[in-house]
Amino acid sequence: MKEAVGKKLKKLRGHLTQDAMASGLGVPKPTYVKWEHGSVYPPPEKLCEIADKYKVTIDNLYGRETESKPLGGELTEDEKEYIATMRSLRPEERIVVVNLLLKYKCSVVK
């Protein structure tokens, strides 16, 4: 099952480097590499973070579903535009944007 999590992480990573993915998740690259290679599981709090960030279920990360579906139904046109914009960015630019969004989200919630 560890391999299922690792394969799913690699798929979610897409064109990002392992360095970029590790940085975006706030873990050292060697830790992320172990997750992706299936040597160890990510801890529960990181599984939740990954599931939230990539809009998949934890079951999906464990390979229990056949397909990832956006949570909450179909994407709006605005959401599709945001995704297209993110895809046009370089990996290091994506990390900056995601970190800013997470920082903003945390400051609004407080």
N, C-alpha and C. Protein backbone atom coordinates (compact mmCIF):
# COMPACT_ATOMS: atom_id res chain seq x y z
N MET A 1 0.82 -1.19 0.00
CA MET A 1 0.00 0.00 0.00
C MET A 1 0.87 1.26 0.00
N LYS A 2 2.07 1.18 0.59
CA LYS A 2 2.97 2.34 0.58
C LYS A 2 3.30 2.74 -0.85
N GLU A 3 3.42 1.73 -1.72
CA GLU A 3 3.71 2.03 -3.12
C GLU A 3 2.56 2.79 -3.76
N ALA A 4 1.32 2.49 -3.37
CA ALA A 4 0.16 3.18 -3.92
C ALA A 4 0.22 4.66 -3.56
N VAL A 5 0.57 4.95 -2.31
CA VAL A 5 0.69 6.35 -1.88
C VAL A 5 1.81 7.03 -2.67
N GLY A 6 2.93 6.37 -2.81
CA GLY A 6 4.06 6.93 -3.55
C GLY A 6 3.72 7.21 -5.00
N LYS A 7 3.05 6.27 -5.65
CA LYS A 7 2.66 6.46 -7.05
C LYS A 7 1.69 7.63 -7.18
N LYS A 8 0.77 7.74 -6.24
CA LYS A 8 -0.20 8.84 -6.29
C LYS A 8 0.50 10.18 -6.08
N LEU A 9 1.47 10.22 -5.15
CA LEU A 9 2.22 11.46 -4.94
C LEU A 9 2.95 11.88 -6.20
N LYS A 10 3.56 10.90 -6.86
CA LYS A 10 4.29 11.21 -8.10
C LYS A 10 3.33 11.74 -9.16
N LYS A 11 2.15 11.14 -9.25
CA LYS A 11 1.15 11.61 -10.22
C LYS A 11 0.68 13.03 -9.88
N LEU A 12 0.42 13.29 -8.61
CA LEU A 12 -0.03 14.62 -8.20
C LEU A 12 1.07 15.67 -8.41
N ARG A 13 2.31 15.26 -8.26
CA ARG A 13 3.44 16.17 -8.43
C ARG A 13 3.51 16.71 -9.85
N GLY A 14 3.09 15.88 -10.81
CA GLY A 14 3.09 16.32 -12.21
C GLY A 14 4.46 16.75 -12.67
N HIS A 15 4.56 17.99 -13.16
CA HIS A 15 5.83 18.50 -13.68
C HIS A 15 6.69 19.16 -12.62
N LEU A 16 6.19 19.22 -11.38
CA LEU A 16 7.01 19.79 -10.30
C LEU A 16 8.18 18.85 -9.99
N THR A 17 9.27 19.42 -9.57
CA THR A 17 10.40 18.60 -9.13
C THR A 17 10.12 18.08 -7.72
N GLN A 18 10.86 17.07 -7.31
CA GLN A 18 10.74 16.58 -5.95
C GLN A 18 11.12 17.67 -4.96
N ASP A 19 12.11 18.49 -5.31
CA ASP A 19 12.49 19.62 -4.46
C ASP A 19 11.32 20.58 -4.26
N ALA A 20 10.65 20.91 -5.36
CA ALA A 20 9.53 21.85 -5.29
C ALA A 20 8.37 21.27 -4.48
N MET A 21 8.09 20.01 -4.70
CA MET A 21 7.00 19.36 -3.97
C MET A 21 7.32 19.32 -2.47
N ALA A 22 8.54 18.95 -2.13
CA ALA A 22 8.95 18.89 -0.73
C ALA A 22 8.85 20.27 -0.09
N SER A 23 9.33 21.27 -0.78
CA SER A 23 9.28 22.64 -0.26
C SER A 23 7.84 23.09 -0.06
N GLY A 24 6.98 22.80 -1.03
CA GLY A 24 5.58 23.17 -0.93
C GLY A 24 4.86 22.50 0.24
N LEU A 25 5.35 21.33 0.63
CA LEU A 25 4.76 20.60 1.75
C LEU A 25 5.50 20.85 3.07
N GLY A 26 6.58 21.64 2.98
CA GLY A 26 7.31 21.98 4.20
C GLY A 26 8.10 20.83 4.80
N VAL A 27 8.62 19.96 3.94
CA VAL A 27 9.44 18.84 4.42
C VAL A 27 10.76 18.81 3.66
N PRO A 28 11.79 18.21 4.24
CA PRO A 28 13.06 18.06 3.50
C PRO A 28 12.86 17.13 2.29
N LYS A 29 13.65 17.37 1.26
CA LYS A 29 13.54 16.54 0.06
C LYS A 29 13.72 15.05 0.36
N PRO A 30 14.71 14.65 1.19
CA PRO A 30 14.86 13.20 1.45
C PRO A 30 13.61 12.57 2.06
N THR A 31 12.91 13.34 2.88
CA THR A 31 11.66 12.83 3.47
C THR A 31 10.62 12.61 2.38
N TYR A 32 10.46 13.61 1.51
CA TYR A 32 9.48 13.48 0.43
C TYR A 32 9.84 12.31 -0.49
N VAL A 33 11.12 12.16 -0.80
CA VAL A 33 11.57 11.08 -1.69
C VAL A 33 11.19 9.72 -1.09
N LYS A 34 11.35 9.57 0.22
CA LYS A 34 10.97 8.30 0.88
C LYS A 34 9.47 8.05 0.72
N TRP A 35 8.67 9.09 0.82
CA TRP A 35 7.21 8.94 0.63
C TRP A 35 6.92 8.49 -0.78
N GLU A 36 7.54 9.17 -1.75
CA GLU A 36 7.26 8.88 -3.16
C GLU A 36 7.76 7.49 -3.56
N HIS A 37 8.85 7.06 -2.99
CA HIS A 37 9.39 5.74 -3.31
C HIS A 37 8.71 4.62 -2.53
N GLY A 38 7.83 4.99 -1.61
CA GLY A 38 7.09 3.98 -0.86
C GLY A 38 7.85 3.37 0.30
N SER A 39 8.95 4.01 0.71
CA SER A 39 9.71 3.50 1.85
C SER A 39 8.97 3.71 3.16
N VAL A 40 8.33 4.86 3.29
CA VAL A 40 7.56 5.20 4.49
C VAL A 40 6.31 5.97 4.07
N TYR A 41 5.32 5.97 4.96
CA TYR A 41 4.10 6.76 4.74
C TYR A 41 4.32 8.20 5.20
N PRO A 42 3.66 9.15 4.54
CA PRO A 42 3.63 10.49 5.13
C PRO A 42 2.83 10.42 6.44
N PRO A 43 3.15 11.26 7.42
CA PRO A 43 2.37 11.26 8.66
C PRO A 43 0.94 11.74 8.39
N PRO A 44 0.00 11.38 9.24
CA PRO A 44 -1.41 11.71 9.01
C PRO A 44 -1.66 13.19 8.71
N GLU A 45 -0.98 14.08 9.44
CA GLU A 45 -1.23 15.51 9.20
C GLU A 45 -0.77 15.93 7.80
N LYS A 46 0.27 15.29 7.29
CA LYS A 46 0.73 15.61 5.92
C LYS A 46 -0.20 14.98 4.89
N LEU A 47 -0.73 13.79 5.18
CA LEU A 47 -1.71 13.19 4.27
C LEU A 47 -2.92 14.11 4.13
N CYS A 48 -3.37 14.66 5.25
CA CYS A 48 -4.51 15.59 5.21
C CYS A 48 -4.16 16.83 4.40
N GLU A 49 -2.97 17.36 4.62
CA GLU A 49 -2.52 18.55 3.89
C GLU A 49 -2.45 18.28 2.39
N ILE A 50 -1.90 17.13 2.02
CA ILE A 50 -1.80 16.76 0.61
C ILE A 50 -3.19 16.61 0.00
N ALA A 51 -4.07 15.90 0.71
CA ALA A 51 -5.43 15.70 0.21
C ALA A 51 -6.14 17.03 0.01
N ASP A 52 -6.01 17.94 0.98
CA ASP A 52 -6.65 19.25 0.85
C ASP A 52 -6.06 20.06 -0.29
N LYS A 53 -4.75 20.06 -0.38
CA LYS A 53 -4.05 20.88 -1.38
C LYS A 53 -4.38 20.42 -2.81
N TYR A 54 -4.49 19.10 -3.01
CA TYR A 54 -4.70 18.56 -4.35
C TYR A 54 -6.14 18.11 -4.60
N LYS A 55 -7.01 18.40 -3.64
CA LYS A 55 -8.45 18.12 -3.80
C LYS A 55 -8.73 16.66 -4.11
N VAL A 56 -8.09 15.79 -3.34
CA VAL A 56 -8.35 14.36 -3.44
C VAL A 56 -8.69 13.86 -2.04
N THR A 57 -9.23 12.68 -1.95
CA THR A 57 -9.51 12.10 -0.65
C THR A 57 -8.29 11.31 -0.18
N ILE A 58 -8.23 11.06 1.12
CA ILE A 58 -7.15 10.23 1.65
C ILE A 58 -7.29 8.81 1.10
N ASP A 59 -8.52 8.33 0.92
CA ASP A 59 -8.71 7.03 0.28
C ASP A 59 -8.06 7.00 -1.09
N ASN A 60 -8.21 8.08 -1.82
CA ASN A 60 -7.61 8.16 -3.16
C ASN A 60 -6.09 8.10 -3.06
N LEU A 61 -5.50 8.75 -2.08
CA LEU A 61 -4.05 8.70 -1.90
C LEU A 61 -3.58 7.26 -1.64
N TYR A 62 -4.42 6.48 -0.97
CA TYR A 62 -4.08 5.09 -0.68
C TYR A 62 -4.45 4.14 -1.82
N GLY A 63 -4.95 4.70 -2.92
CA GLY A 63 -5.27 3.89 -4.08
C GLY A 63 -6.61 3.19 -4.00
N ARG A 64 -7.51 3.65 -3.14
CA ARG A 64 -8.80 2.98 -2.96
C ARG A 64 -9.88 3.48 -3.90
N GLU A 65 -9.59 4.50 -4.67
CA GLU A 65 -10.54 5.00 -5.68
C GLU A 65 -9.83 4.96 -7.02
N THR A 66 -10.59 4.86 -8.08
CA THR A 66 -9.97 4.76 -9.39
C THR A 66 -9.67 6.11 -10.01
N GLU A 67 -10.31 7.17 -9.55
CA GLU A 67 -10.14 8.44 -10.22
C GLU A 67 -10.27 9.59 -9.23
N SER A 68 -9.44 10.61 -9.42
CA SER A 68 -9.54 11.81 -8.58
C SER A 68 -10.65 12.69 -9.11
N LYS A 69 -11.46 13.19 -8.21
CA LYS A 69 -12.54 14.09 -8.59
C LYS A 69 -12.45 15.34 -7.74
N PRO A 70 -12.69 16.50 -8.34
CA PRO A 70 -12.68 17.71 -7.51
C PRO A 70 -13.75 17.60 -6.43
N LEU A 71 -13.38 17.95 -5.20
CA LEU A 71 -14.35 17.95 -4.13
C LEU A 71 -15.34 19.09 -4.37
N GLY A 72 -16.61 18.83 -4.11
CA GLY A 72 -17.60 19.89 -4.28
C GLY A 72 -18.15 20.00 -5.68
N GLY A 73 -17.92 19.02 -6.54
CA GLY A 73 -18.52 19.04 -7.87
C GLY A 73 -17.61 19.62 -8.95
N GLU A 74 -18.24 20.10 -10.00
CA GLU A 74 -17.52 20.63 -11.16
C GLU A 74 -16.84 21.96 -10.83
N LEU A 75 -15.78 22.27 -11.57
CA LEU A 75 -15.07 23.52 -11.37
C LEU A 75 -15.82 24.67 -12.03
N THR A 76 -15.77 25.84 -11.38
CA THR A 76 -16.35 27.04 -11.98
C THR A 76 -15.38 27.57 -13.04
N GLU A 77 -15.83 28.51 -13.83
CA GLU A 77 -14.95 29.11 -14.84
C GLU A 77 -13.77 29.82 -14.17
N ASP A 78 -14.01 30.51 -13.05
CA ASP A 78 -12.93 31.17 -12.32
C ASP A 78 -11.89 30.16 -11.85
N GLU A 79 -12.36 29.02 -11.31
CA GLU A 79 -11.44 27.99 -10.83
C GLU A 79 -10.61 27.42 -11.99
N LYS A 80 -11.25 27.23 -13.13
CA LYS A 80 -10.52 26.74 -14.31
C LYS A 80 -9.45 27.74 -14.74
N GLU A 81 -9.78 29.04 -14.65
CA GLU A 81 -8.81 30.08 -15.01
C GLU A 81 -7.64 30.09 -14.03
N TYR A 82 -7.93 29.93 -12.72
CA TYR A 82 -6.86 29.88 -11.73
C TYR A 82 -5.93 28.70 -12.00
N ILE A 83 -6.51 27.57 -12.33
CA ILE A 83 -5.71 26.37 -12.62
C ILE A 83 -4.83 26.60 -13.84
N ALA A 84 -5.41 27.18 -14.89
CA ALA A 84 -4.63 27.46 -16.10
C ALA A 84 -3.48 28.41 -15.79
N THR A 85 -3.75 29.40 -14.95
CA THR A 85 -2.70 30.35 -14.57
C THR A 85 -1.59 29.64 -13.79
N MET A 86 -1.98 28.80 -12.83
CA MET A 86 -0.98 28.06 -12.05
C MET A 86 -0.13 27.16 -12.95
N ARG A 87 -0.77 26.53 -13.91
CA ARG A 87 -0.04 25.63 -14.81
C ARG A 87 0.95 26.39 -15.68
N SER A 88 0.70 27.68 -15.90
CA SER A 88 1.60 28.47 -16.75
C SER A 88 2.83 28.95 -15.99
N LEU A 89 2.83 28.81 -14.67
CA LEU A 89 3.94 29.28 -13.85
C LEU A 89 5.06 28.24 -13.77
N ARG A 90 6.26 28.73 -13.53
CA ARG A 90 7.38 27.84 -13.27
C ARG A 90 7.19 27.23 -11.88
N PRO A 91 7.77 26.06 -11.61
CA PRO A 91 7.57 25.40 -10.31
C PRO A 91 7.87 26.31 -9.11
N GLU A 92 8.96 27.06 -9.19
CA GLU A 92 9.30 27.92 -8.05
C GLU A 92 8.29 29.05 -7.88
N GLU A 93 7.68 29.51 -8.98
CA GLU A 93 6.63 30.53 -8.88
C GLU A 93 5.36 29.94 -8.27
N ARG A 94 5.06 28.69 -8.61
CA ARG A 94 3.88 28.03 -8.03
C ARG A 94 4.02 27.93 -6.52
N ILE A 95 5.21 27.59 -6.06
CA ILE A 95 5.44 27.45 -4.62
C ILE A 95 5.17 28.78 -3.92
N VAL A 96 5.67 29.86 -4.50
CA VAL A 96 5.45 31.18 -3.91
C VAL A 96 3.96 31.49 -3.82
N VAL A 97 3.23 31.23 -4.91
CA VAL A 97 1.79 31.52 -4.94
C VAL A 97 1.06 30.66 -3.90
N VAL A 98 1.35 29.38 -3.87
CA VAL A 98 0.67 28.49 -2.91
C VAL A 98 0.98 28.90 -1.48
N ASN A 99 2.24 29.22 -1.19
CA ASN A 99 2.60 29.64 0.15
C ASN A 99 1.90 30.94 0.54
N LEU A 100 1.78 31.87 -0.42
CA LEU A 100 1.05 33.11 -0.13
C LEU A 100 -0.42 32.84 0.15
N LEU A 101 -1.02 31.97 -0.64
CA LEU A 101 -2.43 31.64 -0.42
C LEU A 101 -2.64 30.98 0.93
N LEU A 102 -1.76 30.04 1.28
CA LEU A 102 -1.88 29.37 2.57
C LEU A 102 -1.67 30.36 3.72
N LYS A 103 -0.72 31.26 3.56
CA LYS A 103 -0.47 32.27 4.58
C LYS A 103 -1.69 33.18 4.73
N TYR A 104 -2.26 33.60 3.60
CA TYR A 104 -3.45 34.45 3.62
C TYR A 104 -4.63 33.71 4.27
N LYS A 105 -4.81 32.44 3.89
CA LYS A 105 -5.91 31.65 4.45
C LYS A 105 -5.77 31.55 5.96
N CYS A 106 -4.56 31.30 6.44
CA CYS A 106 -4.33 31.19 7.88
C CYS A 106 -4.59 32.51 8.59
N SER A 107 -4.21 33.63 7.98
CA SER A 107 -4.41 34.93 8.62
C SER A 107 -5.88 35.32 8.65
N VAL A 108 -6.67 34.88 7.68
CA VAL A 108 -8.08 35.20 7.63
C VAL A 108 -8.85 34.38 8.66
N VAL A 109 -8.43 33.13 8.85
CA VAL A 109 -9.12 32.22 9.77
C VAL A 109 -8.95 32.66 11.22
N LYS A 110 -7.80 33.25 11.55
CA LYS A 110 -7.50 33.62 12.94
C LYS A 110 -8.42 34.67 13.48
